[in-house]
PDB file of N, CA and C in Angstrom:
ATOM      1  N   SER A   1     140.647 139.042  48.521  1.00  0.00           N
ATOM      2  CA  SER A   1     140.742 138.767  49.941  1.00  0.00           C
ATOM      3  C   SER A   1     142.018 138.101  50.329  1.00  0.00           C
ATOM      4  N   ASP A   2     142.914 137.939  49.335  1.00  0.00           N
ATOM      5  CA  ASP A   2     144.234 137.287  49.620  1.00  0.00           C
ATOM      6  C   ASP A   2     145.037 138.170  50.596  1.00  0.00           C
ATOM      7  N   MET A   3     144.818 139.440  50.620  1.00  0.00           N
ATOM      8  CA  MET A   3     145.564 140.322  51.466  1.00  0.00           C
ATOM      9  C   MET A   3     145.307 139.965  52.924  1.00  0.00           C
ATOM     10  N   TRP A   4     144.212 139.273  53.259  1.00  0.00           N
ATOM     11  CA  TRP A   4     143.899 138.988  54.673  1.00  0.00           C
ATOM     12  C   TRP A   4     144.428 137.548  55.040  1.00  0.00           C
ATOM     13  N   GLU A   5     145.068 136.863  54.079  1.00  0.00           N
ATOM     14  CA  GLU A   5     145.555 135.523  54.489  1.00  0.00           C
ATOM     15  C   GLU A   5     146.864 135.676  55.256  1.00  0.00           C
ATOM     16  N   LEU A   6     146.827 135.203  56.527  1.00  0.00           N
ATOM     17  CA  LEU A   6     147.866 135.360  57.426  1.00  0.00           C
ATOM     18  C   LEU A   6     148.323 134.072  57.964  1.00  0.00           C
ATOM     19  N   PRO A   7     149.586 133.945  58.489  1.00  0.00           N
ATOM     20  CA  PRO A   7     149.988 132.726  59.160  1.00  0.00           C
ATOM     21  C   PRO A   7     149.112 132.455  60.381  1.00  0.00           C
ATOM     22  N   GLU A   8     149.023 131.148  60.704  1.00  0.00           N
ATOM     23  CA  GLU A   8     148.220 130.737  61.899  1.00  0.00           C
ATOM     24  C   GLU A   8     148.612 131.549  63.128  1.00  0.00           C
ATOM     25  N   SER A   9     149.784 131.768  63.361  1.00  0.00           N
ATOM     26  CA  SER A   9     150.241 132.347  64.639  1.00  0.00           C
ATOM     27  C   SER A   9     149.749 133.774  64.825  1.00  0.00           C
ATOM     28  N   VAL A  10     149.344 134.462  63.727  1.00  0.00           N
ATOM     29  CA  VAL A  10     148.884 135.810  63.868  1.00  0.00           C
ATOM     30  C   VAL A  10     147.346 135.890  63.464  1.00  0.00           C
ATOM     31  N   GLN A  11     146.618 134.758  63.351  1.00  0.00           N
ATOM     32  CA  GLN A  11     145.218 134.873  62.942  1.00  0.00           C
ATOM     33  C   GLN A  11     144.426 135.736  63.870  1.00  0.00           C
ATOM     34  N   PRO A  12     144.562 135.506  65.180  1.00  0.00           N
ATOM     35  CA  PRO A  12     143.715 136.394  66.103  1.00  0.00           C
ATOM     36  C   PRO A  12     143.891 137.926  65.813  1.00  0.00           C
ATOM     37  N   ALA A  13     145.242 138.315  65.804  1.00  0.00           N
ATOM     38  CA  ALA A  13     145.458 139.703  65.479  1.00  0.00           C
ATOM     39  C   ALA A  13     144.947 140.102  64.072  1.00  0.00           C
ATOM     40  N   GLY A  14     145.066 139.175  63.156  1.00  0.00           N
ATOM     41  CA  GLY A  14     144.605 139.454  61.788  1.00  0.00           C
ATOM     42  C   GLY A  14     143.051 139.712  61.816  1.00  0.00           C
ATOM     43  N   GLY A  15     142.350 138.875  62.588  1.00  0.00           N
ATOM     44  CA  GLY A  15     140.947 139.040  62.716  1.00  0.00           C
ATOM     45  C   GLY A  15     140.603 140.392  63.298  1.00  0.00           C
ATOM     46  N   LEU A  16     141.328 140.844  64.294  1.00  0.00           N
ATOM     47  CA  LEU A  16     141.138 142.099  64.907  1.00  0.00           C
ATOM     48  C   LEU A  16     141.414 143.232  63.895  1.00  0.00           C
ATOM     49  N   LEU A  17     142.463 143.161  63.184  1.00  0.00           N
ATOM     50  CA  LEU A  17     142.786 144.132  62.207  1.00  0.00           C
ATOM     51  C   LEU A  17     141.682 144.171  61.107  1.00  0.00           C
ATOM     52  N   ARG A  18     141.224 143.026  60.700  1.00  0.00           N
ATOM     53  CA  ARG A  18     140.182 143.007  59.665  1.00  0.00           C
ATOM     54  C   ARG A  18     138.917 143.685  60.165  1.00  0.00           C
ATOM     55  N   ALA A  19     138.562 143.418  61.376  1.00  0.00           N
ATOM     56  CA  ALA A  19     137.358 144.068  61.939  1.00  0.00           C
ATOM     57  C   ALA A  19     137.580 145.588  62.083  1.00  0.00           C
ATOM     58  N   SER A  20     138.740 145.933  62.457  1.00  0.00           N
ATOM     59  CA  SER A  20     139.129 147.386  62.576  1.00  0.00           C
ATOM     60  C   SER A  20     139.064 148.030  61.164  1.00  0.00           C
ATOM     61  N   ALA A  21     139.536 147.354  60.146  1.00  0.00           N
ATOM     62  CA  ALA A  21     139.533 147.928  58.833  1.00  0.00           C
ATOM     63  C   ALA A  21     138.155 148.064  58.326  1.00  0.00           C
ATOM     64  N   GLU A  22     137.294 147.038  58.622  1.00  0.00           N
ATOM     65  CA  GLU A  22     135.903 147.133  58.155  1.00  0.00           C
ATOM     66  C   GLU A  22     135.196 148.312  58.817  1.00  0.00           C
ATOM     67  N   GLU A  23     135.461 148.491  60.155  1.00  0.00           N
ATOM     68  CA  GLU A  23     134.827 149.643  60.889  1.00  0.00           C
ATOM     69  C   GLU A  23     135.503 150.955  60.313  1.00  0.00           C
ATOM     70  N   PHE A  24     136.688 150.889  60.144  1.00  0.00           N
ATOM     71  CA  PHE A  24     137.432 152.099  59.666  1.00  0.00           C
ATOM     72  C   PHE A  24     136.836 152.662  58.406  1.00  0.00           C
ATOM     73  N   PHE A  25     136.504 151.740  57.437  1.00  0.00           N
ATOM     74  CA  PHE A  25     136.106 152.208  56.170  1.00  0.00           C
ATOM     75  C   PHE A  25     134.614 152.350  55.995  1.00  0.00           C
ATOM     76  N   ARG A  26     133.854 152.251  57.061  1.00  0.00           N
ATOM     77  CA  ARG A  26     132.452 152.530  57.000  1.00  0.00           C
ATOM     78  C   ARG A  26     132.181 153.935  56.622  1.00  0.00           C
ATOM     79  N   PRO A  27     131.385 154.192  55.596  1.00  0.00           N
ATOM     80  CA  PRO A  27     131.128 155.545  55.052  1.00  0.00           C
ATOM     81  C   PRO A  27     130.579 156.410  56.138  1.00  0.00           C
ATOM     82  N   GLU A  28     129.711 155.937  57.061  1.00  0.00           N
ATOM     83  CA  GLU A  28     129.035 156.785  58.040  1.00  0.00           C
ATOM     84  C   GLU A  28     130.011 157.332  59.060  1.00  0.00           C
ATOM     85  N   GLY A  29     131.240 156.702  59.127  1.00  0.00           N
ATOM     86  CA  GLY A  29     132.176 157.200  60.070  1.00  0.00           C
ATOM     87  C   GLY A  29     133.140 158.191  59.568  1.00  0.00           C
ATOM     88  N   SER A  30     132.909 158.546  58.234  1.00  0.00           N
ATOM     89  CA  SER A  30     133.916 159.380  57.523  1.00  0.00           C
ATOM     90  C   SER A  30     133.897 160.824  58.104  1.00  0.00           C
ATOM     91  N   ASP A  31     132.821 161.291  58.668  1.00  0.00           N
ATOM     92  CA  ASP A  31     132.714 162.629  59.203  1.00  0.00           C
ATOM     93  C   ASP A  31     133.795 162.901  60.280  1.00  0.00           C
ATOM     94  N   ASP A  32     134.117 161.842  61.065  1.00  0.00           N
ATOM     95  CA  ASP A  32     134.989 161.947  62.204  1.00  0.00           C
ATOM     96  C   ASP A  32     136.271 161.061  61.980  1.00  0.00           C
ATOM     97  N   LEU A  33     136.737 161.087  60.689  1.00  0.00           N
ATOM     98  CA  LEU A  33     137.882 160.234  60.358  1.00  0.00           C
ATOM     99  C   LEU A  33     139.069 160.406  61.215  1.00  0.00           C
ATOM    100  N   PRO A  34     139.541 161.692  61.456  1.00  0.00           N
ATOM    101  CA  PRO A  34     140.763 161.816  62.376  1.00  0.00           C
ATOM    102  C   PRO A  34     140.603 161.180  63.660  1.00  0.00           C
ATOM    103  N   ALA A  35     139.492 161.341  64.334  1.00  0.00           N
ATOM    104  CA  ALA A  35     139.263 160.694  65.634  1.00  0.00           C
ATOM    105  C   ALA A  35     139.272 159.163  65.516  1.00  0.00           C
ATOM    106  N   ILE A  36     138.647 158.609  64.463  1.00  0.00           N
ATOM    107  CA  ILE A  36     138.644 157.294  64.236  1.00  0.00           C
ATOM    108  C   ILE A  36     140.104 156.749  64.031  1.00  0.00           C
ATOM    109  N   ILE A  37     140.879 157.435  63.283  1.00  0.00           N
ATOM    110  CA  ILE A  37     142.264 157.138  63.056  1.00  0.00           C
ATOM    111  C   ILE A  37     143.051 157.062  64.418  1.00  0.00           C
ATOM    112  N   ARG A  38     142.799 158.104  65.206  1.00  0.00           N
ATOM    113  CA  ARG A  38     143.555 158.150  66.515  1.00  0.00           C
ATOM    114  C   ARG A  38     143.147 156.985  67.359  1.00  0.00           C
ATOM    115  N   ARG A  39     141.833 156.600  67.409  1.00  0.00           N
ATOM    116  CA  ARG A  39     141.397 155.482  68.145  1.00  0.00           C
ATOM    117  C   ARG A  39     142.114 154.197  67.618  1.00  0.00           C
ATOM    118  N   ARG A  40     142.157 154.028  66.379  1.00  0.00           N
ATOM    119  CA  ARG A  40     142.803 152.834  65.717  1.00  0.00           C
ATOM    120  C   ARG A  40     144.253 152.772  66.206  1.00  0.00           C
ATOM    121  N   ILE A  41     144.969 153.915  66.131  1.00  0.00           N
ATOM    122  CA  ILE A  41     146.403 153.933  66.507  1.00  0.00           C
ATOM    123  C   ILE A  41     146.502 153.603  67.951  1.00  0.00           C
ATOM    124  N   ASP A  42     145.691 154.196  68.816  1.00  0.00           N
ATOM    125  CA  ASP A  42     145.694 153.902  70.246  1.00  0.00           C
ATOM    126  C   ASP A  42     145.410 152.380  70.524  1.00  0.00           C
ATOM    127  N   ALA A  43     144.458 151.865  69.789  1.00  0.00           N
ATOM    128  CA  ALA A  43     144.141 150.395  69.989  1.00  0.00           C
ATOM    129  C   ALA A  43     145.377 149.565  69.582  1.00  0.00           C
ATOM    130  N   VAL A  44     146.011 149.878  68.552  1.00  0.00           N
ATOM    131  CA  VAL A  44     147.201 149.084  68.139  1.00  0.00           C
ATOM    132  C   VAL A  44     148.299 149.252  69.153  1.00  0.00           C
ATOM    133  N   ARG A  45     148.491 150.461  69.678  1.00  0.00           N
ATOM    134  CA  ARG A  45     149.540 150.717  70.652  1.00  0.00           C
ATOM    135  C   ARG A  45     149.248 149.838  71.929  1.00  0.00           C
ATOM    136  N   GLU A  46     147.965 149.852  72.308  1.00  0.00           N
ATOM    137  CA  GLU A  46     147.607 149.011  73.527  1.00  0.00           C
ATOM    138  C   GLU A  46     147.872 147.540  73.252  1.00  0.00           C
ATOM    139  N   LEU A  47     147.598 147.133  72.046  1.00  0.00           N
ATOM    140  CA  LEU A  47     147.784 145.749  71.680  1.00  0.00           C
ATOM    141  C   LEU A  47     149.169 145.297  71.826  1.00  0.00           C
ATOM    142  N   PHE A  48     150.120 146.109  71.473  1.00  0.00           N
ATOM    143  CA  PHE A  48     151.526 145.801  71.478  1.00  0.00           C
ATOM    144  C   PHE A  48     152.301 146.406  72.691  1.00  0.00           C
ATOM    145  N   ALA A  49     151.609 147.015  73.620  1.00  0.00           N
ATOM    146  CA  ALA A  49     152.211 147.616  74.811  1.00  0.00           C
ATOM    147  C   ALA A  49     152.841 146.548  75.657  1.00  0.00           C
TER     148      ALA A  49
END
């Protein structure tokens, strides 16, 4: 879990990325993986827009 240790200043974003990663890797979502990836990319783009 060390890979999730982040500086205090980016903890909220880190939590969001962790939640996204957990959702991303859910087996039941694997049927529609390309769409999930696109949604993740769109979400990150909105985050930094």
